[in-house]
Amino acid sequence: HIPFCETKCPYCDFNTYAGISSLIPEYCDALGRDIRRWGAALEDPEVATVFLGGGTPSYLPGETLASIARAWRDGFALAADAEVTLETNPGDFSLERVSAWLKAGVNRLSIGVQSFDDGLLGSLGRRHNAKTAALSYQTARAAGFDNISIDLMFGLPDQTLPQWKGTLEQAMSLNPEHVSMYALSIEPNTPFDV
């Protein structure tokens, strides 16, 4: 779990924080030590999946992500066909950054697109627009990722059926390996819980 975000979305009730990026190095060092300790305690078991969620793991600097990757390789035996997933925000993509994720051993991206409608993205407090979302997908493909999931949300305030259909059509036109669709849940003590 990477609890850091550049901005916190108003619907999010996960244990995540914006504005505390100065804590990233200390937190990630502790996370690496913890991963190694658990690997030793469990006698270096083989794992088939690694999932870096959050928060926004793609917000981490490349070297920080690489240090976490070294920790899981030190503490655990990764299966030859292990799936290593990084949750990402479309606003975090550059060819250099995406290449660093591949180099660290990430082989699957979960891109938090949520919608391909700019108005709905604005109401969700997302820091990307539809064009940026599509470009992030294309950047991942250009870097060499061949396993990409797109996350989408439905049941958004004032979302129309044509908007949802347009988002689905845009997602399918990209031809991702996987699409996750989630209904918006209004959680207590979030800005959406008004």
C-alpha atoms as a PDB file:
ATOM      1  CA  HIS A   1       0.000   0.000   0.000  1.00  0.00           C
ATOM      2  CA  ILE A   2       1.404   3.349  -1.104  1.00  0.00           C
ATOM      3  CA  PRO A   3      -0.608   6.018   0.765  1.00  0.00           C
ATOM      4  CA  PHE A   4       0.627   9.059  -1.181  1.00  0.00           C
ATOM      5  CA  CYS A   5      -1.278  11.074  -3.786  1.00  0.00           C
ATOM      6  CA  GLU A   6      -0.557  14.350  -5.529  1.00  0.00           C
ATOM      7  CA  THR A   7      -4.191  15.263  -4.868  1.00  0.00           C
ATOM      8  CA  LYS A   8      -6.889  13.398  -2.955  1.00  0.00           C
ATOM      9  CA  CYS A   9     -10.076  12.717  -4.896  1.00  0.00           C
ATOM     10  CA  PRO A  10     -13.244  13.851  -3.091  1.00  0.00           C
ATOM     11  CA  TYR A  11     -14.863  10.391  -3.315  1.00  0.00           C
ATOM     12  CA  CYS A  12     -11.848   8.505  -1.910  1.00  0.00           C
ATOM     13  CA  ASP A  13     -12.011   6.978   1.567  1.00  0.00           C
ATOM     14  CA  PHE A  14      -8.778   4.979   1.327  1.00  0.00           C
ATOM     15  CA  ASN A  15      -5.921   5.576   3.740  1.00  0.00           C
ATOM     16  CA  THR A  16      -4.223   8.093   1.439  1.00  0.00           C
ATOM     17  CA  TYR A  17      -2.809  11.584   1.803  1.00  0.00           C
ATOM     18  CA  ALA A  18      -1.860  14.529  -0.355  1.00  0.00           C
ATOM     19  CA  GLY A  19       0.700  17.134   0.639  1.00  0.00           C
ATOM     20  CA  ILE A  20       2.993  14.851   2.613  1.00  0.00           C
ATOM     21  CA  SER A  21       5.392  13.780  -0.126  1.00  0.00           C
ATOM     22  CA  SER A  22       8.325  14.600   2.173  1.00  0.00           C
ATOM     23  CA  LEU A  23       7.464  11.348   3.994  1.00  0.00           C
ATOM     24  CA  ILE A  24       7.837   9.180   0.880  1.00  0.00           C
ATOM     25  CA  PRO A  25      11.521   8.232   1.401  1.00  0.00           C
ATOM     26  CA  GLU A  26      11.094   7.277   5.062  1.00  0.00           C
ATOM     27  CA  TYR A  27       7.865   5.364   4.437  1.00  0.00           C
ATOM     28  CA  CYS A  28       9.264   3.455   1.462  1.00  0.00           C
ATOM     29  CA  ASP A  29      12.476   2.584   3.340  1.00  0.00           C
ATOM     30  CA  ALA A  30      10.342   1.153   6.159  1.00  0.00           C
ATOM     31  CA  LEU A  31       8.158  -0.677   3.640  1.00  0.00           C
ATOM     32  CA  GLY A  32      11.252  -2.256   2.064  1.00  0.00           C
ATOM     33  CA  ARG A  33      12.534  -3.396   5.466  1.00  0.00           C
ATOM     34  CA  ASP A  34       9.121  -4.848   6.294  1.00  0.00           C
ATOM     35  CA  ILE A  35       8.921  -6.744   2.990  1.00  0.00           C
ATOM     36  CA  ARG A  36      12.370  -8.248   3.587  1.00  0.00           C
ATOM     37  CA  ARG A  37      11.503  -9.205   7.184  1.00  0.00           C
ATOM     38  CA  TRP A  38       8.297 -10.928   6.129  1.00  0.00           C
ATOM     39  CA  GLY A  39      10.143 -12.756   3.379  1.00  0.00           C
ATOM     40  CA  ALA A  40      12.717 -14.020   5.889  1.00  0.00           C
ATOM     41  CA  ALA A  41      10.044 -14.948   8.457  1.00  0.00           C
ATOM     42  CA  LEU A  42       8.131 -16.887   5.815  1.00  0.00           C
ATOM     43  CA  GLU A  43      11.376 -18.449   4.495  1.00  0.00           C
ATOM     44  CA  ASP A  44      11.413 -16.773   1.072  1.00  0.00           C
ATOM     45  CA  PRO A  45       8.174 -18.170  -0.357  1.00  0.00           C
ATOM     46  CA  GLU A  46       7.364 -18.070  -4.042  1.00  0.00           C
ATOM     47  CA  VAL A  47       4.744 -15.498  -5.008  1.00  0.00           C
ATOM     48  CA  ALA A  48       2.746 -15.314  -8.204  1.00  0.00           C
ATOM     49  CA  THR A  49       1.463 -11.750  -7.858  1.00  0.00           C
ATOM     50  CA  VAL A  50       2.647  -8.424  -6.520  1.00  0.00           C
ATOM     51  CA  PHE A  51       0.144  -5.556  -6.423  1.00  0.00           C
ATOM     52  CA  LEU A  52       1.185  -1.997  -5.619  1.00  0.00           C
ATOM     53  CA  GLY A  53      -1.954  -0.069  -4.787  1.00  0.00           C
ATOM     54  CA  GLY A  54      -2.771   3.063  -2.949  1.00  0.00           C
ATOM     55  CA  GLY A  55      -3.018   5.914  -3.011  1.00  0.00           C
ATOM     56  CA  THR A  56      -1.083   6.468  -6.151  1.00  0.00           C
ATOM     57  CA  PRO A  57       2.001   4.254  -6.492  1.00  0.00           C
ATOM     58  CA  SER A  58       2.801   5.861  -9.856  1.00  0.00           C
ATOM     59  CA  TYR A  59       3.392   9.099  -7.926  1.00  0.00           C
ATOM     60  CA  LEU A  60       6.584   7.599  -6.471  1.00  0.00           C
ATOM     61  CA  PRO A  61       9.921   8.630  -7.977  1.00  0.00           C
ATOM     62  CA  GLY A  62      11.420   5.916 -10.197  1.00  0.00           C
ATOM     63  CA  GLU A  63      14.313   5.121  -7.852  1.00  0.00           C
ATOM     64  CA  THR A  64      11.943   4.780  -4.903  1.00  0.00           C
ATOM     65  CA  LEU A  65       9.840   2.258  -6.807  1.00  0.00           C
ATOM     66  CA  ALA A  66      13.042   0.442  -7.807  1.00  0.00           C
ATOM     67  CA  SER A  67      14.085   0.181  -4.139  1.00  0.00           C
ATOM     68  CA  ILE A  68      10.714  -1.400  -3.254  1.00  0.00           C
ATOM     69  CA  ALA A  69      11.172  -3.814  -6.165  1.00  0.00           C
ATOM     70  CA  ARG A  70      14.600  -4.807  -4.818  1.00  0.00           C
ATOM     71  CA  ALA A  71      12.967  -5.514  -1.461  1.00  0.00           C
ATOM     72  CA  TRP A  72      10.348  -7.877  -2.876  1.00  0.00           C
ATOM     73  CA  ARG A  73      12.996  -9.664  -4.935  1.00  0.00           C
ATOM     74  CA  ASP A  74      15.220  -9.981  -1.842  1.00  0.00           C
ATOM     75  CA  GLY A  75      12.404 -11.213   0.383  1.00  0.00           C
ATOM     76  CA  PHE A  76      10.422 -13.422  -1.935  1.00  0.00           C
ATOM     77  CA  ALA A  77      10.982 -15.758  -4.867  1.00  0.00           C
ATOM     78  CA  LEU A  78       8.963 -14.400  -7.768  1.00  0.00           C
ATOM     79  CA  ALA A  79       7.425 -17.061  -9.980  1.00  0.00           C
ATOM     80  CA  ALA A  80       8.763 -16.959 -13.537  1.00  0.00           C
ATOM     81  CA  ASP A  81       5.346 -15.816 -14.772  1.00  0.00           C
ATOM     82  CA  ALA A  82       4.562 -13.531 -11.807  1.00  0.00           C
ATOM     83  CA  GLU A  83       2.212 -10.636 -12.448  1.00  0.00           C
ATOM     84  CA  VAL A  84       3.502  -7.375 -10.963  1.00  0.00           C
ATOM     85  CA  THR A  85       0.835  -4.662 -11.100  1.00  0.00           C
ATOM     86  CA  LEU A  86       1.212  -0.938 -10.474  1.00  0.00           C
ATOM     87  CA  GLU A  87      -1.852   1.242  -9.944  1.00  0.00           C
ATOM     88  CA  THR A  88      -1.358   4.449 -11.900  1.00  0.00           C
ATOM     89  CA  ASN A  89      -2.838   7.869 -12.415  1.00  0.00           C
ATOM     90  CA  PRO A  90      -2.902   9.074 -16.042  1.00  0.00           C
ATOM     91  CA  GLY A  91      -1.302  12.343 -14.926  1.00  0.00           C
ATOM     92  CA  ASP A  92       1.896  10.515 -13.921  1.00  0.00           C
ATOM     93  CA  PHE A  93       2.881   9.205 -17.353  1.00  0.00           C
ATOM     94  CA  SER A  94       5.995  10.055 -19.319  1.00  0.00           C
ATOM     95  CA  LEU A  95       8.030   7.673 -21.440  1.00  0.00           C
ATOM     96  CA  GLU A  96      10.927   7.984 -18.974  1.00  0.00           C
ATOM     97  CA  ARG A  97       8.743   7.232 -15.969  1.00  0.00           C
ATOM     98  CA  VAL A  98       6.933   4.312 -17.617  1.00  0.00           C
ATOM     99  CA  SER A  99      10.256   2.842 -18.738  1.00  0.00           C
ATOM    100  CA  ALA A 100      11.465   3.045 -15.113  1.00  0.00           C
ATOM    101  CA  TRP A 101       8.410   1.029 -14.035  1.00  0.00           C
ATOM    102  CA  LEU A 102       9.282  -1.680 -16.545  1.00  0.00           C
ATOM    103  CA  LYS A 103      12.899  -1.669 -15.441  1.00  0.00           C
ATOM    104  CA  ALA A 104      11.791  -2.120 -11.819  1.00  0.00           C
ATOM    105  CA  GLY A 105       9.959  -5.294 -12.825  1.00  0.00           C
ATOM    106  CA  VAL A 106       6.385  -4.048 -13.191  1.00  0.00           C
ATOM    107  CA  ASN A 107       4.698  -5.965 -16.023  1.00  0.00           C
ATOM    108  CA  ARG A 108       1.059  -4.882 -15.642  1.00  0.00           C
ATOM    109  CA  LEU A 109      -0.465  -1.417 -15.284  1.00  0.00           C
ATOM    110  CA  SER A 110      -3.849  -0.565 -13.837  1.00  0.00           C
ATOM    111  CA  ILE A 111      -4.669   2.909 -15.154  1.00  0.00           C
ATOM    112  CA  GLY A 112      -7.222   4.865 -13.117  1.00  0.00           C
ATOM    113  CA  VAL A 113      -8.994   6.501 -16.048  1.00  0.00           C
ATOM    114  CA  GLN A 114     -12.442   6.503 -14.356  1.00  0.00           C
ATOM    115  CA  SER A 115     -14.097   8.308 -17.307  1.00  0.00           C
ATOM    116  CA  PHE A 116     -13.347   9.624 -20.779  1.00  0.00           C
ATOM    117  CA  ASP A 117     -15.690  12.588 -20.174  1.00  0.00           C
ATOM    118  CA  ASP A 118     -13.868  15.759 -19.110  1.00  0.00           C
ATOM    119  CA  GLY A 119     -16.852  17.192 -17.237  1.00  0.00           C
ATOM    120  CA  LEU A 120     -17.258  14.046 -15.158  1.00  0.00           C
ATOM    121  CA  LEU A 121     -13.520  13.858 -14.502  1.00  0.00           C
ATOM    122  CA  GLY A 122     -13.692  17.421 -13.177  1.00  0.00           C
ATOM    123  CA  SER A 123     -16.585  16.581 -10.861  1.00  0.00           C
ATOM    124  CA  LEU A 124     -14.604  13.603  -9.564  1.00  0.00           C
ATOM    125  CA  GLY A 125     -11.644  15.852  -8.760  1.00  0.00           C
ATOM    126  CA  ARG A 126      -9.361  13.942 -11.102  1.00  0.00           C
ATOM    127  CA  ARG A 127      -6.172  15.700 -12.214  1.00  0.00           C
ATOM    128  CA  HIS A 128      -6.252  14.398 -15.788  1.00  0.00           C
ATOM    129  CA  ASN A 129      -8.557  14.826 -18.765  1.00  0.00           C
ATOM    130  CA  ALA A 130      -9.746  12.336 -21.377  1.00  0.00           C
ATOM    131  CA  LYS A 131      -6.917  13.179 -23.790  1.00  0.00           C
ATOM    132  CA  THR A 132      -4.296  12.640 -21.072  1.00  0.00           C
ATOM    133  CA  ALA A 133      -5.915   9.304 -20.196  1.00  0.00           C
ATOM    134  CA  ALA A 134      -5.680   8.078 -23.794  1.00  0.00           C
ATOM    135  CA  LEU A 135      -2.104   9.360 -24.100  1.00  0.00           C
ATOM    136  CA  SER A 136      -1.097   7.546 -20.907  1.00  0.00           C
ATOM    137  CA  TYR A 137      -2.333   4.292 -22.398  1.00  0.00           C
ATOM    138  CA  GLN A 138      -0.435   4.931 -25.647  1.00  0.00           C
ATOM    139  CA  THR A 139       2.719   5.838 -23.691  1.00  0.00           C
ATOM    140  CA  ALA A 140       2.515   2.558 -21.781  1.00  0.00           C
ATOM    141  CA  ARG A 141       2.215   0.621 -25.028  1.00  0.00           C
ATOM    142  CA  ALA A 142       5.117   2.553 -26.583  1.00  0.00           C
ATOM    143  CA  ALA A 143       7.290   1.733 -23.566  1.00  0.00           C
ATOM    144  CA  GLY A 144       6.578  -1.971 -23.988  1.00  0.00           C
ATOM    145  CA  PHE A 145       3.708  -2.806 -21.626  1.00  0.00           C
ATOM    146  CA  ASP A 146       1.583  -5.612 -23.043  1.00  0.00           C
ATOM    147  CA  ASN A 147      -0.726  -6.082 -20.047  1.00  0.00           C
ATOM    148  CA  ILE A 148      -2.825  -3.012 -19.267  1.00  0.00           C
ATOM    149  CA  SER A 149      -6.041  -2.645 -17.327  1.00  0.00           C
ATOM    150  CA  ILE A 150      -8.271   0.427 -17.433  1.00  0.00           C
ATOM    151  CA  ASP A 151     -10.375   1.314 -14.376  1.00  0.00           C
ATOM    152  CA  LEU A 152     -13.736   2.974 -15.038  1.00  0.00           C
ATOM    153  CA  MET A 153     -16.465   4.288 -12.727  1.00  0.00           C
ATOM    154  CA  PHE A 154     -20.199   4.432 -13.321  1.00  0.00           C
ATOM    155  CA  GLY A 155     -23.108   5.805 -11.333  1.00  0.00           C
ATOM    156  CA  LEU A 156     -21.429   9.210 -11.145  1.00  0.00           C
ATOM    157  CA  PRO A 157     -23.426  12.309 -10.191  1.00  0.00           C
ATOM    158  CA  ASP A 158     -25.294  13.570 -13.273  1.00  0.00           C
ATOM    159  CA  GLN A 159     -23.710  10.896 -15.506  1.00  0.00           C
ATOM    160  CA  THR A 160     -25.900  10.114 -18.502  1.00  0.00           C
ATOM    161  CA  LEU A 161     -26.187   6.830 -20.351  1.00  0.00           C
ATOM    162  CA  PRO A 162     -24.623   8.391 -23.498  1.00  0.00           C
ATOM    163  CA  GLN A 163     -21.635   9.558 -21.408  1.00  0.00           C
ATOM    164  CA  TRP A 164     -21.152   6.049 -19.990  1.00  0.00           C
ATOM    165  CA  LYS A 165     -21.520   4.521 -23.453  1.00  0.00           C
ATOM    166  CA  GLY A 166     -18.936   6.989 -24.828  1.00  0.00           C
ATOM    167  CA  THR A 167     -16.485   6.072 -22.062  1.00  0.00           C
ATOM    168  CA  LEU A 168     -16.932   2.372 -22.764  1.00  0.00           C
ATOM    169  CA  GLU A 169     -16.468   2.874 -26.511  1.00  0.00           C
ATOM    170  CA  GLN A 170     -13.290   4.918 -25.955  1.00  0.00           C
ATOM    171  CA  ALA A 171     -11.922   2.278 -23.571  1.00  0.00           C
ATOM    172  CA  MET A 172     -12.665  -0.550 -26.023  1.00  0.00           C
ATOM    173  CA  SER A 173     -11.071   1.365 -28.904  1.00  0.00           C
ATOM    174  CA  LEU A 174      -7.772   1.227 -26.994  1.00  0.00           C
ATOM    175  CA  ASN A 175      -7.995  -2.580 -26.816  1.00  0.00           C
ATOM    176  CA  PRO A 176      -6.794  -3.106 -23.237  1.00  0.00           C
ATOM    177  CA  GLU A 177      -6.251  -6.596 -21.860  1.00  0.00           C
ATOM    178  CA  HIS A 178      -8.651  -5.868 -18.989  1.00  0.00           C
ATOM    179  CA  VAL A 179     -11.259  -3.319 -17.950  1.00  0.00           C
ATOM    180  CA  SER A 180     -12.445  -2.950 -14.346  1.00  0.00           C
ATOM    181  CA  MET A 181     -15.767  -1.179 -13.800  1.00  0.00           C
ATOM    182  CA  TYR A 182     -16.783   0.120 -10.402  1.00  0.00           C
ATOM    183  CA  ALA A 183     -19.940   1.825  -9.188  1.00  0.00           C
ATOM    184  CA  LEU A 184     -19.263   5.042  -7.311  1.00  0.00           C
ATOM    185  CA  SER A 185     -19.871   4.490  -3.619  1.00  0.00           C
ATOM    186  CA  ILE A 186     -20.447   7.531  -1.461  1.00  0.00           C
ATOM    187  CA  GLU A 187     -18.445   6.793   1.665  1.00  0.00           C
ATOM    188  CA  PRO A 188     -18.939   8.493   5.047  1.00  0.00           C
ATOM    189  CA  ASN A 189     -16.621  11.404   5.898  1.00  0.00           C
ATOM    190  CA  THR A 190     -15.595  12.104   2.299  1.00  0.00           C
ATOM    191  CA  PRO A 191     -16.344  15.417   0.565  1.00  0.00           C
ATOM    192  CA  PHE A 192     -18.928  13.566  -1.565  1.00  0.00           C
ATOM    193  CA  ASP A 193     -20.802  12.614   1.637  1.00  0.00           C
ATOM    194  CA  VAL A 194     -22.743  15.857   1.872  1.00  0.00           C
END
